[in-house]
Amino acid sequence: ANLPESWGSQQVKEWLIESAPKSPEIGECFHFGTGLWGHVVPLGMEFAGFEAEDFYRQIIVSIRTVDTELNAMIKLDLS
């Protein structure tokens, strides 16, 4: 039988909490599951008129899909 959908969400939340840095710094990134990354940013940074405050932080999650075209990737030379 199929598992309840909420179980998957709960598992991802647990991975995120377990993998998050203990003292998160703004700009820090961490991997917490296959194709899942957490990015520590100032709270409210996505809103218009945002003014940076260093005190509150949030974690934004990015997901790399499984259909990533690896042959289409480019290399950046930052030197």
PDB file of N, CA and C in Angstrom:
ATOM      1  N   ALA A   1       0.846  -1.190   0.000  1.00  0.00           N
ATOM      2  CA  ALA A   1       0.000   0.000   0.000  1.00  0.00           C
ATOM      3  C   ALA A   1       0.885   1.244   0.000  1.00  0.00           C
ATOM      4  N   ASN A   2       0.311   2.350  -0.418  1.00  0.00           N
ATOM      5  CA  ASN A   2       1.041   3.619  -0.428  1.00  0.00           C
ATOM      6  C   ASN A   2       1.182   4.159   0.988  1.00  0.00           C
ATOM      7  N   LEU A   3       2.314   4.812   1.226  1.00  0.00           N
ATOM      8  CA  LEU A   3       2.532   5.446   2.519  1.00  0.00           C
ATOM      9  C   LEU A   3       1.860   6.814   2.526  1.00  0.00           C
ATOM     10  N   PRO A   4       1.454   7.309   3.693  1.00  0.00           N
ATOM     11  CA  PRO A   4       0.867   8.642   3.773  1.00  0.00           C
ATOM     12  C   PRO A   4       1.853   9.696   3.269  1.00  0.00           C
ATOM     13  N   GLU A   5       1.360  10.661   2.501  1.00  0.00           N
ATOM     14  CA  GLU A   5       2.211  11.712   1.933  1.00  0.00           C
ATOM     15  C   GLU A   5       2.952  12.492   3.016  1.00  0.00           C
ATOM     16  N   SER A   6       2.318  12.690   4.168  1.00  0.00           N
ATOM     17  CA  SER A   6       2.933  13.475   5.247  1.00  0.00           C
ATOM     18  C   SER A   6       4.204  12.816   5.776  1.00  0.00           C
ATOM     19  N   TRP A   7       4.343  11.492   5.632  1.00  0.00           N
ATOM     20  CA  TRP A   7       5.549  10.814   6.104  1.00  0.00           C
ATOM     21  C   TRP A   7       6.772  11.309   5.353  1.00  0.00           C
ATOM     22  N   GLY A   8       6.654  11.505   4.038  1.00  0.00           N
ATOM     23  CA  GLY A   8       7.771  12.000   3.245  1.00  0.00           C
ATOM     24  C   GLY A   8       8.171  13.404   3.667  1.00  0.00           C
ATOM     25  N   SER A   9       7.191  14.258   3.888  1.00  0.00           N
ATOM     26  CA  SER A   9       7.472  15.630   4.332  1.00  0.00           C
ATOM     27  C   SER A   9       8.148  15.621   5.694  1.00  0.00           C
ATOM     28  N   GLN A  10       7.671  14.784   6.580  1.00  0.00           N
ATOM     29  CA  GLN A  10       8.256  14.704   7.919  1.00  0.00           C
ATOM     30  C   GLN A  10       9.704  14.237   7.843  1.00  0.00           C
ATOM     31  N   GLN A  11      10.009  13.274   6.983  1.00  0.00           N
ATOM     32  CA  GLN A  11      11.378  12.769   6.845  1.00  0.00           C
ATOM     33  C   GLN A  11      12.313  13.870   6.351  1.00  0.00           C
ATOM     34  N   VAL A  12      11.873  14.650   5.358  1.00  0.00           N
ATOM     35  CA  VAL A  12      12.694  15.748   4.831  1.00  0.00           C
ATOM     36  C   VAL A  12      12.938  16.786   5.932  1.00  0.00           C
ATOM     37  N   LYS A  13      11.928  17.118   6.722  1.00  0.00           N
ATOM     38  CA  LYS A  13      12.097  18.063   7.834  1.00  0.00           C
ATOM     39  C   LYS A  13      13.127  17.543   8.831  1.00  0.00           C
ATOM     40  N   GLU A  14      13.071  16.251   9.142  1.00  0.00           N
ATOM     41  CA  GLU A  14      14.030  15.663  10.082  1.00  0.00           C
ATOM     42  C   GLU A  14      15.447  15.728   9.534  1.00  0.00           C
ATOM     43  N   TRP A  15      15.633  15.410   8.240  1.00  0.00           N
ATOM     44  CA  TRP A  15      16.961  15.507   7.624  1.00  0.00           C
ATOM     45  C   TRP A  15      17.480  16.932   7.712  1.00  0.00           C
ATOM     46  N   LEU A  16      16.604  17.904   7.420  1.00  0.00           N
ATOM     47  CA  LEU A  16      16.985  19.318   7.450  1.00  0.00           C
ATOM     48  C   LEU A  16      17.438  19.718   8.854  1.00  0.00           C
ATOM     49  N   ILE A  17      16.664  19.378   9.855  1.00  0.00           N
ATOM     50  CA  ILE A  17      16.983  19.737  11.240  1.00  0.00           C
ATOM     51  C   ILE A  17      18.278  19.065  11.686  1.00  0.00           C
ATOM     52  N   GLU A  18      18.452  17.784  11.349  1.00  0.00           N
ATOM     53  CA  GLU A  18      19.654  17.049  11.749  1.00  0.00           C
ATOM     54  C   GLU A  18      20.912  17.604  11.080  1.00  0.00           C
ATOM     55  N   SER A  19      20.797  18.083   9.852  1.00  0.00           N
ATOM     56  CA  SER A  19      21.960  18.519   9.077  1.00  0.00           C
ATOM     57  C   SER A  19      22.265  20.003   9.206  1.00  0.00           C
ATOM     58  N   ALA A  20      21.317  20.775   9.694  1.00  0.00           N
ATOM     59  CA  ALA A  20      21.520  22.227   9.795  1.00  0.00           C
ATOM     60  C   ALA A  20      22.677  22.534  10.738  1.00  0.00           C
ATOM     61  N   PRO A  21      23.474  23.557  10.404  1.00  0.00           N
ATOM     62  CA  PRO A  21      24.568  23.946  11.298  1.00  0.00           C
ATOM     63  C   PRO A  21      24.034  24.367  12.665  1.00  0.00           C
ATOM     64  N   LYS A  22      24.790  24.097  13.694  1.00  0.00           N
ATOM     65  CA  LYS A  22      24.357  24.439  15.060  1.00  0.00           C
ATOM     66  C   LYS A  22      24.320  25.948  15.284  1.00  0.00           C
ATOM     67  N   SER A  23      25.244  26.671  14.673  1.00  0.00           N
ATOM     68  CA  SER A  23      25.268  28.138  14.732  1.00  0.00           C
ATOM     69  C   SER A  23      25.321  28.657  13.299  1.00  0.00           C
ATOM     70  N   PRO A  24      24.171  28.691  12.616  1.00  0.00           N
ATOM     71  CA  PRO A  24      24.166  29.039  11.192  1.00  0.00           C
ATOM     72  C   PRO A  24      24.617  30.475  10.936  1.00  0.00           C
ATOM     73  N   GLU A  25      25.475  30.617   9.945  1.00  0.00           N
ATOM     74  CA  GLU A  25      25.953  31.927   9.526  1.00  0.00           C
ATOM     75  C   GLU A  25      25.335  32.266   8.175  1.00  0.00           C
ATOM     76  N   ILE A  26      24.987  33.521   7.969  1.00  0.00           N
ATOM     77  CA  ILE A  26      24.408  33.951   6.698  1.00  0.00           C
ATOM     78  C   ILE A  26      25.405  33.650   5.579  1.00  0.00           C
ATOM     79  N   GLY A  27      24.896  33.051   4.515  1.00  0.00           N
ATOM     80  CA  GLY A  27      25.725  32.675   3.379  1.00  0.00           C
ATOM     81  C   GLY A  27      26.173  31.219   3.406  1.00  0.00           C
ATOM     82  N   GLU A  28      25.961  30.548   4.514  1.00  0.00           N
ATOM     83  CA  GLU A  28      26.362  29.151   4.656  1.00  0.00           C
ATOM     84  C   GLU A  28      25.379  28.247   3.902  1.00  0.00           C
ATOM     85  N   CYS A  29      25.894  27.196   3.272  1.00  0.00           N
ATOM     86  CA  CYS A  29      25.075  26.203   2.567  1.00  0.00           C
ATOM     87  C   CYS A  29      25.426  24.818   3.103  1.00  0.00           C
ATOM     88  N   PHE A  30      24.444  23.930   3.084  1.00  0.00           N
ATOM     89  CA  PHE A  30      24.695  22.561   3.542  1.00  0.00           C
ATOM     90  C   PHE A  30      23.791  21.596   2.782  1.00  0.00           C
ATOM     91  N   HIS A  31      24.288  20.389   2.605  1.00  0.00           N
ATOM     92  CA  HIS A  31      23.585  19.318   1.907  1.00  0.00           C
ATOM     93  C   HIS A  31      22.839  18.496   2.949  1.00  0.00           C
ATOM     94  N   PHE A  32      21.570  18.169   2.715  1.00  0.00           N
ATOM     95  CA  PHE A  32      20.852  17.368   3.710  1.00  0.00           C
ATOM     96  C   PHE A  32      20.064  16.211   3.124  1.00  0.00           C
ATOM     97  N   GLY A  33      20.227  15.931   1.861  1.00  0.00           N
ATOM     98  CA  GLY A  33      19.576  14.784   1.229  1.00  0.00           C
ATOM     99  C   GLY A  33      19.902  14.796  -0.251  1.00  0.00           C
ATOM    100  N   THR A  34      19.576  13.736  -0.940  1.00  0.00           N
ATOM    101  CA  THR A  34      19.875  13.648  -2.364  1.00  0.00           C
ATOM    102  C   THR A  34      19.204  14.784  -3.120  1.00  0.00           C
ATOM    103  N   GLY A  35      20.032  15.670  -3.681  1.00  0.00           N
ATOM    104  CA  GLY A  35      19.519  16.808  -4.430  1.00  0.00           C
ATOM    105  C   GLY A  35      18.924  17.912  -3.580  1.00  0.00           C
ATOM    106  N   LEU A  36      19.113  17.872  -2.258  1.00  0.00           N
ATOM    107  CA  LEU A  36      18.536  18.863  -1.344  1.00  0.00           C
ATOM    108  C   LEU A  36      19.633  19.672  -0.671  1.00  0.00           C
ATOM    109  N   TRP A  37      19.509  21.002  -0.753  1.00  0.00           N
ATOM    110  CA  TRP A  37      20.490  21.901  -0.151  1.00  0.00           C
ATOM    111  C   TRP A  37      19.774  22.966   0.661  1.00  0.00           C
ATOM    112  N   GLY A  38      20.356  23.325   1.784  1.00  0.00           N
ATOM    113  CA  GLY A  38      19.851  24.411   2.606  1.00  0.00           C
ATOM    114  C   GLY A  38      20.784  25.607   2.491  1.00  0.00           C
ATOM    115  N   HIS A  39      20.222  26.804   2.414  1.00  0.00           N
ATOM    116  CA  HIS A  39      20.981  28.046   2.300  1.00  0.00           C
ATOM    117  C   HIS A  39      20.536  28.981   3.419  1.00  0.00           C
ATOM    118  N   VAL A  40      21.468  29.413   4.245  1.00  0.00           N
ATOM    119  CA  VAL A  40      21.155  30.301   5.368  1.00  0.00           C
ATOM    120  C   VAL A  40      21.167  31.743   4.865  1.00  0.00           C
ATOM    121  N   VAL A  41      20.037  32.419   5.020  1.00  0.00           N
ATOM    122  CA  VAL A  41      19.876  33.797   4.540  1.00  0.00           C
ATOM    123  C   VAL A  41      19.201  34.628   5.633  1.00  0.00           C
ATOM    124  N   PRO A  42      19.299  35.966   5.528  1.00  0.00           N
ATOM    125  CA  PRO A  42      18.592  36.807   6.501  1.00  0.00           C
ATOM    126  C   PRO A  42      17.076  36.630   6.371  1.00  0.00           C
ATOM    127  N   LEU A  43      16.385  36.633   7.484  1.00  0.00           N
ATOM    128  CA  LEU A  43      14.937  36.509   7.490  1.00  0.00           C
ATOM    129  C   LEU A  43      14.310  37.686   6.763  1.00  0.00           C
ATOM    130  N   GLY A  44      13.452  37.406   5.782  1.00  0.00           N
ATOM    131  CA  GLY A  44      12.746  38.445   5.051  1.00  0.00           C
ATOM    132  C   GLY A  44      13.441  38.930   3.803  1.00  0.00           C
ATOM    133  N   MET A  45      14.572  38.318   3.436  1.00  0.00           N
ATOM    134  CA  MET A  45      15.343  38.812   2.289  1.00  0.00           C
ATOM    135  C   MET A  45      14.580  38.750   0.970  1.00  0.00           C
ATOM    136  N   GLU A  46      13.538  37.934   0.885  1.00  0.00           N
ATOM    137  CA  GLU A  46      12.789  37.784  -0.363  1.00  0.00           C
ATOM    138  C   GLU A  46      11.715  38.861  -0.560  1.00  0.00           C
ATOM    139  N   PHE A  47      11.554  39.753   0.415  1.00  0.00           N
ATOM    140  CA  PHE A  47      10.517  40.786   0.331  1.00  0.00           C
ATOM    141  C   PHE A  47      11.083  42.106  -0.202  1.00  0.00           C
ATOM    142  N   ALA A  48      10.277  42.816  -0.983  1.00  0.00           N
ATOM    143  CA  ALA A  48      10.680  44.125  -1.500  1.00  0.00           C
ATOM    144  C   ALA A  48      10.931  45.077  -0.333  1.00  0.00           C
ATOM    145  N   GLY A  49      11.940  45.896  -0.449  1.00  0.00           N
ATOM    146  CA  GLY A  49      12.251  46.856   0.595  1.00  0.00           C
ATOM    147  C   GLY A  49      12.960  46.253   1.786  1.00  0.00           C
ATOM    148  N   PHE A  50      13.461  45.048   1.636  1.00  0.00           N
ATOM    149  CA  PHE A  50      14.145  44.353   2.723  1.00  0.00           C
ATOM    150  C   PHE A  50      15.373  45.129   3.183  1.00  0.00           C
ATOM    151  N   GLU A  51      15.521  45.270   4.482  1.00  0.00           N
ATOM    152  CA  GLU A  51      16.732  45.850   5.055  1.00  0.00           C
ATOM    153  C   GLU A  51      17.405  44.765   5.883  1.00  0.00           C
ATOM    154  N   ALA A  52      18.667  44.511   5.582  1.00  0.00           N
ATOM    155  CA  ALA A  52      19.398  43.403   6.208  1.00  0.00           C
ATOM    156  C   ALA A  52      19.494  43.571   7.719  1.00  0.00           C
ATOM    157  N   GLU A  53      19.093  42.528   8.418  1.00  0.00           N
ATOM    158  CA  GLU A  53      19.314  42.425   9.853  1.00  0.00           C
ATOM    159  C   GLU A  53      20.038  41.114  10.070  1.00  0.00           C
ATOM    160  N   ASP A  54      21.102  41.178  10.792  1.00  0.00           N
ATOM    161  CA  ASP A  54      21.949  40.004  10.974  1.00  0.00           C
ATOM    162  C   ASP A  54      21.418  39.055  12.043  1.00  0.00           C
ATOM    163  N   PHE A  55      20.435  39.487  12.824  1.00  0.00           N
ATOM    164  CA  PHE A  55      20.004  38.702  13.978  1.00  0.00           C
ATOM    165  C   PHE A  55      19.161  37.482  13.604  1.00  0.00           C
ATOM    166  N   TYR A  56      18.133  37.678  12.772  1.00  0.00           N
ATOM    167  CA  TYR A  56      17.232  36.584  12.425  1.00  0.00           C
ATOM    168  C   TYR A  56      17.678  35.929  11.124  1.00  0.00           C
ATOM    169  N   ARG A  57      17.579  34.609  11.066  1.00  0.00           N
ATOM    170  CA  ARG A  57      17.987  33.863   9.883  1.00  0.00           C
ATOM    171  C   ARG A  57      16.888  32.882   9.495  1.00  0.00           C
ATOM    172  N   GLN A  58      16.873  32.528   8.228  1.00  0.00           N
ATOM    173  CA  GLN A  58      15.966  31.488   7.750  1.00  0.00           C
ATOM    174  C   GLN A  58      16.759  30.583   6.819  1.00  0.00           C
ATOM    175  N   ILE A  59      16.222  29.404   6.578  1.00  0.00           N
ATOM    176  CA  ILE A  59      16.858  28.472   5.658  1.00  0.00           C
ATOM    177  C   ILE A  59      15.960  28.325   4.442  1.00  0.00           C
ATOM    178  N   ILE A  60      16.534  28.598   3.281  1.00  0.00           N
ATOM    179  CA  ILE A  60      15.836  28.398   2.020  1.00  0.00           C
ATOM    180  C   ILE A  60      16.355  27.094   1.429  1.00  0.00           C
ATOM    181  N   VAL A  61      15.451  26.275   0.928  1.00  0.00           N
ATOM    182  CA  VAL A  61      15.814  24.966   0.382  1.00  0.00           C
ATOM    183  C   VAL A  61      15.837  25.031  -1.135  1.00  0.00           C
ATOM    184  N   SER A  62      16.888  24.480  -1.729  1.00  0.00           N
ATOM    185  CA  SER A  62      16.916  24.324  -3.186  1.00  0.00           C
ATOM    186  C   SER A  62      16.959  22.837  -3.498  1.00  0.00           C
ATOM    187  N   ILE A  63      16.325  22.485  -4.603  1.00  0.00           N
ATOM    188  CA  ILE A  63      16.195  21.083  -5.015  1.00  0.00           C
ATOM    189  C   ILE A  63      16.759  20.933  -6.410  1.00  0.00           C
ATOM    190  N   ARG A  64      17.709  20.013  -6.566  1.00  0.00           N
ATOM    191  CA  ARG A  64      18.230  19.709  -7.892  1.00  0.00           C
ATOM    192  C   ARG A  64      17.431  18.527  -8.419  1.00  0.00           C
ATOM    193  N   THR A  65      16.780  18.727  -9.534  1.00  0.00           N
ATOM    194  CA  THR A  65      15.940  17.660 -10.087  1.00  0.00           C
ATOM    195  C   THR A  65      16.809  16.552 -10.671  1.00  0.00           C
ATOM    196  N   VAL A  66      16.229  15.391 -10.775  1.00  0.00           N
ATOM    197  CA  VAL A  66      16.983  14.237 -11.277  1.00  0.00           C
ATOM    198  C   VAL A  66      17.236  14.310 -12.768  1.00  0.00           C
ATOM    199  N   ASP A  67      16.540  15.184 -13.480  1.00  0.00           N
ATOM    200  CA  ASP A  67      16.738  15.261 -14.922  1.00  0.00           C
ATOM    201  C   ASP A  67      17.735  16.351 -15.311  1.00  0.00           C
ATOM    202  N   THR A  68      18.666  16.665 -14.410  1.00  0.00           N
ATOM    203  CA  THR A  68      19.704  17.648 -14.716  1.00  0.00           C
ATOM    204  C   THR A  68      20.510  17.170 -15.917  1.00  0.00           C
ATOM    205  N   GLU A  69      20.704  18.043 -16.893  1.00  0.00           N
ATOM    206  CA  GLU A  69      21.464  17.698 -18.101  1.00  0.00           C
ATOM    207  C   GLU A  69      22.934  18.012 -17.842  1.00  0.00           C
ATOM    208  N   LEU A  70      23.696  16.998 -17.416  1.00  0.00           N
ATOM    209  CA  LEU A  70      25.087  17.212 -17.046  1.00  0.00           C
ATOM    210  C   LEU A  70      25.947  17.638 -18.233  1.00  0.00           C
ATOM    211  N   ASN A  71      25.590  17.258 -19.459  1.00  0.00           N
ATOM    212  CA  ASN A  71      26.359  17.649 -20.633  1.00  0.00           C
ATOM    213  C   ASN A  71      26.157  19.116 -20.992  1.00  0.00           C
ATOM    214  N   ALA A  72      25.134  19.754 -20.446  1.00  0.00           N
ATOM    215  CA  ALA A  72      24.840  21.152 -20.750  1.00  0.00           C
ATOM    216  C   ALA A  72      25.442  22.101 -19.712  1.00  0.00           C
ATOM    217  N   MET A  73      26.140  21.558 -18.716  1.00  0.00           N
ATOM    218  CA  MET A  73      26.705  22.399 -17.673  1.00  0.00           C
ATOM    219  C   MET A  73      27.939  23.119 -18.198  1.00  0.00           C
ATOM    220  N   ILE A  74      28.204  24.292 -17.632  1.00  0.00           N
ATOM    221  CA  ILE A  74      29.377  25.064 -18.030  1.00  0.00           C
ATOM    222  C   ILE A  74      30.288  25.235 -16.827  1.00  0.00           C
ATOM    223  N   LYS A  75      31.560  25.481 -17.092  1.00  0.00           N
ATOM    224  CA  LYS A  75      32.518  25.698 -16.030  1.00  0.00           C
ATOM    225  C   LYS A  75      32.859  27.184 -15.999  1.00  0.00           C
ATOM    226  N   LEU A  76      32.799  27.764 -14.808  1.00  0.00           N
ATOM    227  CA  LEU A  76      33.153  29.169 -14.637  1.00  0.00           C
ATOM    228  C   LEU A  76      34.597  29.257 -14.157  1.00  0.00           C
ATOM    229  N   ASP A  77      35.391  30.051 -14.836  1.00  0.00           N
ATOM    230  CA  ASP A  77      36.767  30.286 -14.422  1.00  0.00           C
ATOM    231  C   ASP A  77      36.809  31.629 -13.734  1.00  0.00           C
ATOM    232  N   LEU A  78      36.949  31.620 -12.419  1.00  0.00           N
ATOM    233  CA  LEU A  78      36.889  32.842 -11.627  1.00  0.00           C
ATOM    234  C   LEU A  78      38.265  33.432 -11.334  1.00  0.00           C
ATOM    235  N   SER A  79      39.289  32.927 -12.016  1.00  0.00           N
ATOM    236  CA  SER A  79      40.636  33.446 -11.754  1.00  0.00           C
ATOM    237  C   SER A  79      40.929  34.700 -12.547  1.00  0.00           C
TER     238      SER A  79
END
